[in-house]
Structure formats: C-alpha cells, structure tokens
C-alpha cells in the first residue's frame, strides 16, 4: 500500500476525477443522498489517500478553518466498498490526525460525522459536542478532539 498526500493544485486531473467519483459513488449514490458533493472547499484542502496497486482504496480531506473561530477538520472519510472490513479507516484517520498534530501543530480537530460512526471516531479521542441531528436525511453528530499541549 502507498500513501498519497496532495494539495488541490498538485492533484492531476485523473486524481481529482477519481476522488470526486469515489465520493459521489459513496455519499450520493450508495447512501441515496442527493446533495451537492462538490462544495467548493476542495481547492483549499489537503487530500490524503491510500492506494493499492494504483487504485485509491481509502480517502479523506483535511479542511482548514474558514474563520478564526473554527478548527481544522477531517472530512469525506471513505473506504471503498470492496475494501471495507479490513481496518483501513484506522490508519487513514491516524495519518490524518498525525498530519494535523505534527505538520499543522493544531490543538483541536473538528469532525462532522455520521452518527453510526460515533464510536469509531470516539476511539481516536473525538468527543461529541452536539446532539444528533439530521443532515440530508442522515443522522450526524459534531465531534471535537482536543490535543494536549506538549
């Protein structure tokens, strides 16, 4: 397996196409949730993914804060259908968290996750900071990780 990490400007057309294709495949088609997946934030994000034999099998994006009151966040976390159940989301999340801690030196990481994944995200140290609410018909919860100062 090989890790890739690129800014939007560094992405090839093919890589961007693959990222968008996989996100639409999972968040719009598989979850039967018609919403604007292409939200205008990708150009400011760092894109992180895992490849196996040249195929993208897990992906997430690191989203910078859009104001001083906000935190960096990890979003669009996916593992392709054929590769689920192999524990690939754990190294993906660990890599994203390490990147934010070590390269961006953040003290908080925000996550807007689907409610059924609250225990998964909680296993990394994210704590719920909202009640469960519906977004596009899917229960979500906001979570925050506080990183202790060294």
Foldseek 3Di string as FASTA:
>chain_A
DDKDKAAPVPDDPVRVVLLVVQLCVVVCVVVVFDDPPPDPQRNQWMKMFDDDPRHTFWIWIWGQDPDPVDHIEIDSTDGDPVPPPVPPSVVVVVVVVCCCCPVVVDFKYKYKAFPVCVVVVVVVAWDFDADWDDDSNTTITITMHGHDDD
